[in-house]
Structures are given as structure tokens and as C-alpha cells.
Protein backbone atom coordinates (compact mmCIF):
# COMPACT_ATOMS: atom_id res chain seq x y z
CA MET A 1 15.39 -20.50 -11.86
CA THR A 2 18.63 -19.67 -10.04
CA ALA A 3 21.64 -21.94 -10.08
CA LEU A 4 21.06 -22.61 -6.38
CA VAL A 5 17.50 -23.81 -6.88
CA GLU A 6 18.54 -25.95 -9.83
CA GLU A 7 21.31 -27.55 -7.78
CA LEU A 8 19.04 -28.25 -4.81
CA GLN A 9 16.22 -29.51 -7.01
CA ALA A 10 18.61 -31.96 -8.69
CA LEU A 11 19.79 -33.23 -5.32
CA ARG A 12 16.22 -33.61 -4.20
CA ASP A 13 15.17 -35.45 -7.35
CA ASN A 14 18.18 -37.80 -7.23
CA GLY A 15 17.37 -38.92 -3.71
CA GLN A 16 13.62 -38.63 -3.83
CA GLN A 17 12.70 -42.31 -3.77
CA THR A 18 15.09 -43.11 -0.93
CA ALA A 19 14.28 -40.02 1.12
CA ALA A 20 10.55 -40.31 0.70
CA ALA A 21 10.58 -43.69 2.48
CA GLN A 22 12.38 -42.39 5.55
CA PRO A 23 11.44 -39.45 7.79
CA VAL A 24 14.10 -36.82 8.31
CA LEU A 25 12.90 -36.47 11.91
CA ARG A 26 11.38 -39.25 13.98
CA LEU A 27 10.24 -38.51 17.54
CA ASP A 28 9.57 -41.83 19.25
CA LYS A 29 7.66 -41.98 22.55
CA LEU A 30 9.30 -38.94 24.10
CA VAL A 31 8.88 -38.36 27.81
CA ARG A 32 9.99 -35.17 29.54
CA VAL A 33 9.13 -34.49 33.16
CA PHE A 34 9.74 -31.35 35.22
CA HIS A 35 9.53 -31.10 38.98
CA GLN A 36 8.29 -28.11 40.96
CA GLY A 37 8.84 -29.04 44.58
CA GLU A 38 6.86 -32.23 45.03
CA ARG A 39 4.78 -31.58 41.94
CA ARG A 40 5.53 -33.70 38.85
CA ILE A 41 4.70 -32.11 35.49
CA ALA A 42 4.83 -34.47 32.48
CA VAL A 43 5.19 -32.05 29.57
CA LEU A 44 5.78 -34.89 27.13
CA ASN A 45 4.27 -38.27 27.89
CA GLY A 46 4.91 -40.56 24.93
CA ALA A 47 4.97 -37.95 22.13
CA SER A 48 5.66 -39.42 18.68
CA ALA A 49 5.73 -37.97 15.16
CA ASP A 50 7.48 -38.37 11.82
CA ILE A 51 8.46 -35.40 9.61
CA TYR A 52 9.30 -36.12 5.97
CA PRO A 53 11.36 -34.27 3.33
CA GLY A 54 9.66 -31.24 1.84
CA GLN A 55 6.94 -31.11 4.51
CA ALA A 56 6.04 -27.97 6.40
CA VAL A 57 4.49 -29.17 9.66
CA ALA A 58 2.86 -26.68 12.04
CA LEU A 59 3.13 -27.27 15.79
CA VAL A 60 0.28 -25.42 17.52
CA GLY A 61 -1.02 -25.19 21.06
CA PRO A 62 -1.36 -22.78 23.96
CA SER A 63 1.61 -21.30 25.80
CA GLY A 64 2.93 -23.75 28.36
CA ALA A 65 1.80 -26.84 26.42
CA GLY A 66 5.41 -27.92 25.76
CA LYS A 67 6.05 -26.71 22.20
CA SER A 68 9.46 -25.16 23.01
CA THR A 69 10.47 -28.24 25.01
CA LEU A 70 9.58 -30.44 22.03
CA LEU A 71 11.58 -28.21 19.63
CA HIS A 72 14.58 -28.22 21.99
CA ILE A 73 14.54 -32.02 22.17
CA ALA A 74 14.07 -32.34 18.38
CA GLY A 75 16.98 -29.96 17.94
CA LEU A 76 19.18 -31.98 20.32
CA LEU A 77 19.40 -29.04 22.73
CA GLU A 78 17.71 -31.07 25.49
CA THR A 79 17.66 -34.78 26.26
CA PRO A 80 14.36 -36.58 26.82
CA ASP A 81 13.89 -38.59 30.00
CA GLU A 82 12.67 -41.45 27.86
CA GLY A 83 12.21 -42.06 24.14
CA HIS A 84 14.35 -41.46 21.07
CA VAL A 85 15.09 -38.77 18.48
CA TYR A 86 16.13 -40.07 15.09
CA ILE A 87 17.67 -37.77 12.44
CA GLN A 88 17.69 -39.48 9.03
CA GLY A 89 17.43 -42.83 10.73
CA ARG A 90 20.21 -42.23 13.25
CA ASP A 91 19.38 -42.35 16.96
CA CYS A 92 20.74 -39.10 18.37
CA SER A 93 19.04 -39.23 21.75
CA ARG A 94 21.97 -40.30 23.89
CA MET A 95 24.87 -38.76 21.99
CA ASN A 96 27.51 -36.80 23.87
CA ASP A 97 27.59 -33.02 23.54
CA ALA A 98 30.25 -32.94 20.83
CA ASP A 99 28.40 -35.40 18.59
CA ARG A 100 25.10 -33.56 19.11
CA THR A 101 26.78 -30.31 18.12
CA ARG A 102 28.16 -31.91 14.94
CA VAL A 103 24.70 -33.20 14.00
CA ARG A 104 23.14 -29.76 14.59
CA ARG A 105 25.74 -28.05 12.44
CA ALA A 106 25.53 -30.52 9.59
CA LYS A 107 21.86 -31.52 9.58
CA MET A 108 19.79 -28.72 11.19
CA GLY A 109 18.82 -25.13 10.75
CA PHE A 110 17.08 -22.97 13.36
CA VAL A 111 14.84 -19.90 13.00
CA TYR A 112 13.65 -18.03 16.07
CA GLN A 113 11.02 -15.37 16.74
CA PHE A 114 13.77 -12.79 17.07
CA HIS A 115 16.24 -12.96 14.21
CA GLN A 116 19.39 -12.96 16.41
CA LEU A 117 21.58 -11.69 13.58
CA LEU A 118 25.07 -10.47 14.45
CA PRO A 119 24.64 -6.67 14.36
CA GLU A 120 28.19 -5.80 13.31
CA PHE A 121 28.06 -7.96 10.17
CA THR A 122 26.19 -7.50 6.90
CA ALA A 123 23.36 -9.76 5.80
CA LEU A 124 25.79 -11.56 3.50
CA GLU A 125 28.30 -12.07 6.28
CA ASN A 126 25.63 -13.37 8.65
CA VAL A 127 24.84 -16.11 6.14
CA VAL A 128 28.51 -16.81 5.36
CA ILE A 129 29.63 -17.29 9.00
CA PRO A 130 27.84 -20.63 9.74
CA GLN A 131 29.28 -22.02 6.50
CA LEU A 132 32.82 -21.09 7.54
CA ILE A 133 32.27 -22.77 10.90
CA LEU A 134 31.32 -25.94 9.03
CA GLY A 135 34.56 -25.66 7.01
CA ARG A 136 33.30 -24.35 3.65
CA ASN A 137 35.59 -22.27 1.45
CA ARG A 138 34.98 -18.53 1.94
CA LYS A 139 34.38 -17.82 -1.76
CA VAL A 140 31.94 -20.73 -2.09
CA ALA A 141 30.20 -19.70 1.13
CA ALA A 142 29.79 -16.10 -0.11
CA GLU A 143 28.33 -17.28 -3.40
CA ARG A 144 25.83 -19.54 -1.70
CA ALA A 145 24.90 -16.78 0.75
CA ARG A 146 24.32 -14.35 -2.11
CA GLN A 147 22.18 -16.86 -3.99
CA LEU A 148 20.07 -17.67 -0.92
CA LEU A 149 19.51 -14.02 -0.08
CA THR A 150 18.63 -13.23 -3.68
CA SER A 151 16.11 -16.09 -3.77
CA LEU A 152 14.50 -14.46 -0.71
CA GLY A 153 14.24 -11.09 -2.44
CA LEU A 154 17.24 -9.53 -0.70
CA GLY A 155 19.63 -9.33 -3.62
CA GLU A 156 19.95 -5.56 -3.26
CA ARG A 157 20.34 -5.69 0.51
CA VAL A 158 23.19 -8.14 0.99
CA GLU A 159 25.69 -5.47 2.10
CA HIS A 160 23.34 -3.93 4.66
CA ARG A 161 23.71 -4.55 8.39
CA PRO A 162 20.70 -5.71 10.42
CA ALA A 163 19.94 -2.21 11.73
CA GLU A 164 19.53 -1.07 8.14
CA LEU A 165 16.99 -3.81 7.31
CA SER A 166 13.30 -3.94 8.02
CA GLY A 167 11.90 -6.57 10.39
CA GLY A 168 10.81 -8.76 7.52
CA GLU A 169 14.19 -8.41 5.79
CA GLN A 170 15.97 -9.37 9.00
CA GLN A 171 13.84 -12.48 9.41
CA ARG A 172 14.38 -13.49 5.76
CA THR A 173 18.12 -13.10 6.39
CA ALA A 174 17.72 -15.38 9.41
CA ILE A 175 15.96 -17.97 7.19
CA ALA A 176 18.83 -17.78 4.69
CA ARG A 177 21.31 -18.30 7.54
CA ALA A 178 19.34 -21.32 8.80
CA LEU A 179 19.51 -22.92 5.37
CA ALA A 180 23.09 -21.96 4.60
CA ASN A 181 24.58 -25.36 5.42
CA GLU A 182 21.94 -27.29 3.45
CA PRO A 183 20.28 -28.81 6.52
CA ARG A 184 17.85 -31.69 6.20
CA LEU A 185 15.76 -30.45 9.14
CA LEU A 186 14.52 -26.92 9.82
CA LEU A 187 13.14 -26.07 13.25
CA ALA A 188 11.37 -22.75 13.71
CA ASP A 189 9.92 -21.24 16.88
CA GLU A 190 7.32 -18.54 16.10
CA PRO A 191 9.30 -17.30 13.06
CA THR A 192 6.67 -14.68 12.22
CA GLY A 193 5.51 -13.93 15.77
CA ASN A 194 7.35 -10.60 15.96
CA LEU A 195 6.07 -9.28 12.65
CA ASP A 196 2.97 -7.42 11.52
CA PRO A 197 0.42 -9.56 9.60
CA HIS A 198 1.38 -8.25 6.15
CA THR A 199 5.11 -8.80 6.70
CA ALA A 200 4.43 -12.18 8.33
CA GLU A 201 2.69 -13.31 5.13
CA HIS A 202 5.70 -12.42 3.01
CA VAL A 203 8.16 -14.13 5.37
CA PHE A 204 5.99 -17.24 5.56
CA ASP A 205 5.65 -17.42 1.76
CA ALA A 206 9.45 -17.15 1.42
CA LEU A 207 9.98 -19.83 4.04
CA VAL A 208 7.55 -22.29 2.45
CA HIS A 209 9.03 -21.64 -1.00
CA LEU A 210 12.45 -22.72 0.26
CA ILE A 211 11.01 -25.74 2.05
CA ARG A 212 9.44 -26.86 -1.23
CA THR A 213 12.50 -26.20 -3.39
CA THR A 214 15.14 -27.65 -1.09
CA GLY A 215 13.18 -30.63 0.26
CA VAL A 216 14.06 -29.75 3.85
CA ALA A 217 11.74 -31.13 6.54
CA ALA A 218 10.34 -28.33 8.66
CA LEU A 219 8.69 -28.30 12.07
CA ILE A 220 7.34 -24.83 12.80
CA ALA A 221 5.82 -23.78 16.14
CA THR A 222 3.28 -21.00 15.65
CA HIS A 223 0.35 -19.31 17.31
CA ASN A 224 -0.79 -17.99 13.94
CA LEU A 225 -3.61 -20.36 12.95
CA GLU A 226 -4.04 -18.71 9.55
CA ILE A 227 -0.46 -19.62 8.72
CA ALA A 228 -0.81 -23.09 10.28
CA ARG A 229 -3.79 -23.81 8.02
CA ARG A 230 -1.60 -23.33 4.96
CA MET A 231 1.00 -25.88 5.98
CA ASP A 232 1.06 -29.54 4.89
CA ARG A 233 0.25 -30.90 8.33
CA VAL A 234 -0.71 -29.61 11.74
CA ILE A 235 0.12 -31.31 15.04
CA THR A 236 -0.59 -30.25 18.61
CA LEU A 237 0.37 -31.38 22.10
CA SER A 238 -2.47 -32.81 24.13
CA ASP A 239 -1.80 -34.44 27.52
CA GLY A 240 1.82 -34.89 26.54
CA LEU A 241 1.03 -36.64 23.25
CA LEU A 242 1.35 -35.33 19.69
CA VAL A 243 -2.01 -35.34 17.93
CA GLU A 244 -2.58 -34.77 14.24
CA LEU A 245 -5.16 -32.12 13.30
CA GLU A 246 -6.88 -31.33 10.03
CA PRO A 247 -5.64 -27.91 8.89
CA SER A 248 -9.17 -26.99 7.84
CA SER A 249 -10.41 -27.56 11.42
CA LEU A 250 -8.36 -24.69 12.81
CA ARG A 251 -10.37 -21.59 13.76
């Protein structure tokens, strides 16, 4: 077990009883309405859900159902028309832009379908940069980046730039970057959607391993029902509400 995993496991164990009683993310009766001319489209119409530490929760549903809107609101990138978003018990729904940015930097990590790595920097540097923005010492940031990348099987690739990495390696680097600042909430939008099935399996396994070992709460939008079945919980949007599904029911 690496020093990183030991450190994170100790933190998780020390706070387990307190954290287990409180969701990292609480979505409370969210409403989000869009207007097309005179047409009113209620994408979210009272959507509620709780996501707890160490849980990998799949968000499934057809395109246009509102998954991206929900992720944007959960990530404090959009404001709901009604309802509340709580991060570790704190109502973040009506914060100003500066406060929302601070919460995102300190509490959240994001993984997208396309890795969005900075092409002129190495894998290591891509994982160091968000830590420097948060104010972490460069040497400490580099050590954490190296440990994270090594835990994802990229120990021999840390000095390679994105163009020199495979698609799966790029996405694993993006996962390391998302977890660099030790977020409590991980939001992922189709993180394996741009990968072939074999590579997607490896990336998903790496992602779930880190969710388990760090205790981060994860909400992952995916069209891949095989992957969704392997998560702890599955939720879907139906008529603007979040509905819990049995993973085994997915076909």
C-alpha cells in the first residue's frame, strides 16, 4: 500500500462515524426551467438525492433528460431556479461567484468525457497545477501528483505529455488531476464515453478503486449500463425527479 493510500485511509477511518451520518452532496427539491419561446421546459422539477462518502453513484438516462444540467448544478456551475445544493451540510445554492469558486477548488473534482489536459505540460505537471492554484507547496504537490499517478498505473509515464499517452492513460491522468486537491465530491460526465470497451473497463476500475480508498463521494453520468450496474447505486431522471433504480434491473 502506498503512502498516499495509507494517509487517505487513515483520514477516512478517523472521520468515518461522523462522515457516514452526513451526505457529502445533498440535492434538495431542485427546479430548473428553460424557455424556448413560449414553451416552458422543466428539466428538473423537485429532484432530490443524497450522495455519501465512498459511494459511486451512476446517473443514467437518455440524452436530453437533464443529466448535464444536474451535474452543473451539483458542481455549482449553474444555479437552480428553486431548491438547494448542500456540500458537507453547507447550503451553497445562493453563494456569490467567488465563494462558489472556492468551494469547487477545495471540495470538488471534475472528470469529463474528453480529458482536457493541458497539452504543453507533462502528466505530472497537469496534476501539480491545480494544487498550486489552491496554494500547496510545489514539492508537496509534485510528490502527491506522482503518488496519485503511480496508484493509477502511470508511474513510468509521469514525464510524458498528453500527446504521448494513450486515450486511457490520458483519462487516468485526468482522474488523478480531479483528485489532486483531496476533494470530498467527484463529479464525472461520461468519463469513459470516449474510450473503447476494453480501455473503458480499466479506467472505470481505476476510478472506483480511488473512490473506495479515498472515501470521496462520486456522481457519475454514464450511458454505459454495464458500468452503471457495477456501481453502488443507480439514479435516473424521470419527469424532472431523481428516481432510484436497482443496478440489477439495468439491461
